[in-house]
Amino acid sequence: MPEVGDFDSAIQFEQRAIKGAREDAWAIKDQERRRAMYERQLALYQRRLAAYERQQPWRSNLH
């Protein structure tokens, strides 16, 4: 998907993802694995949000 520079939408999307991260983690029964997954996802969402707030696109290394 090409970059479109719609940082406002990207920011809103990441904010919703941050709010939903805890709910997503509850699918994992093991408490330690659930906490670890939540912390990893939250950190990723926060890094992306920070980039979008700086008006910088997020680029993954996956191709």
Protein backbone atom coordinates (compact mmCIF):
# COMPACT_ATOMS: atom_id res chain seq x y z
CA MET A 1 0.00 0.00 0.00
CA PRO A 2 1.52 3.34 -0.97
CA GLU A 3 1.96 6.06 1.58
CA VAL A 4 -0.82 8.62 1.44
CA GLY A 5 0.19 11.02 4.22
CA ASP A 6 -3.14 10.76 6.05
CA PHE A 7 -1.58 11.07 9.48
CA ASP A 8 -4.81 12.17 11.18
CA SER A 9 -6.49 8.88 10.24
CA ALA A 10 -3.38 6.91 11.17
CA ILE A 11 -3.29 8.58 14.59
CA GLN A 12 -6.95 7.79 15.22
CA PHE A 13 -6.43 4.18 14.15
CA GLU A 14 -3.45 3.72 16.49
CA GLN A 15 -5.32 5.32 19.38
CA ARG A 16 -8.14 2.80 18.88
CA ALA A 17 -5.60 -0.01 18.67
CA ILE A 18 -4.05 1.07 21.97
CA LYS A 19 -7.46 1.06 23.64
CA GLY A 20 -8.24 -2.38 22.25
CA ALA A 21 -4.87 -3.99 23.02
CA ARG A 22 -5.89 -5.13 26.49
CA GLU A 23 -9.08 -6.73 25.20
CA ASP A 24 -7.14 -8.56 22.49
CA ALA A 25 -4.73 -9.97 25.07
CA TRP A 26 -7.55 -11.60 27.04
CA ALA A 27 -7.80 -14.27 24.33
CA ILE A 28 -4.62 -15.76 25.84
CA LYS A 29 -5.37 -17.89 28.89
CA ASP A 30 -1.89 -17.96 30.44
CA GLN A 31 -1.46 -14.80 32.52
CA GLU A 32 2.27 -14.36 31.86
CA ARG A 33 1.92 -14.88 28.12
CA ARG A 34 -1.08 -12.53 28.10
CA ARG A 35 0.88 -9.80 29.87
CA ALA A 36 3.89 -10.24 27.59
CA MET A 37 1.73 -10.09 24.46
CA TYR A 38 -0.07 -7.01 25.72
CA GLU A 39 3.18 -5.21 26.51
CA ARG A 40 4.70 -6.05 23.09
CA GLN A 41 1.60 -4.93 21.21
CA LEU A 42 1.23 -1.78 23.27
CA ALA A 43 4.87 -0.82 22.68
CA LEU A 44 4.48 -1.31 18.93
CA TYR A 45 1.28 0.74 18.80
CA GLN A 46 2.89 3.52 20.83
CA ARG A 47 5.96 3.63 18.53
CA ARG A 48 3.76 3.87 15.47
CA LEU A 49 1.57 6.53 17.09
CA ALA A 50 4.64 8.61 17.96
CA ALA A 51 5.86 8.41 14.35
CA TYR A 52 2.47 9.50 13.00
CA GLU A 53 2.31 12.37 15.47
CA ARG A 54 5.68 13.54 14.07
CA GLN A 55 4.13 13.28 10.58
CA GLN A 56 6.47 10.41 9.72
CA PRO A 57 5.28 7.27 7.94
CA TRP A 58 5.69 3.90 9.61
CA ARG A 59 7.73 1.48 7.59
CA SER A 60 8.10 -2.15 8.51
CA ASN A 61 10.92 -4.36 7.33
CA LEU A 62 8.47 -6.91 5.96
CA HIS A 63 8.33 -7.09 2.21
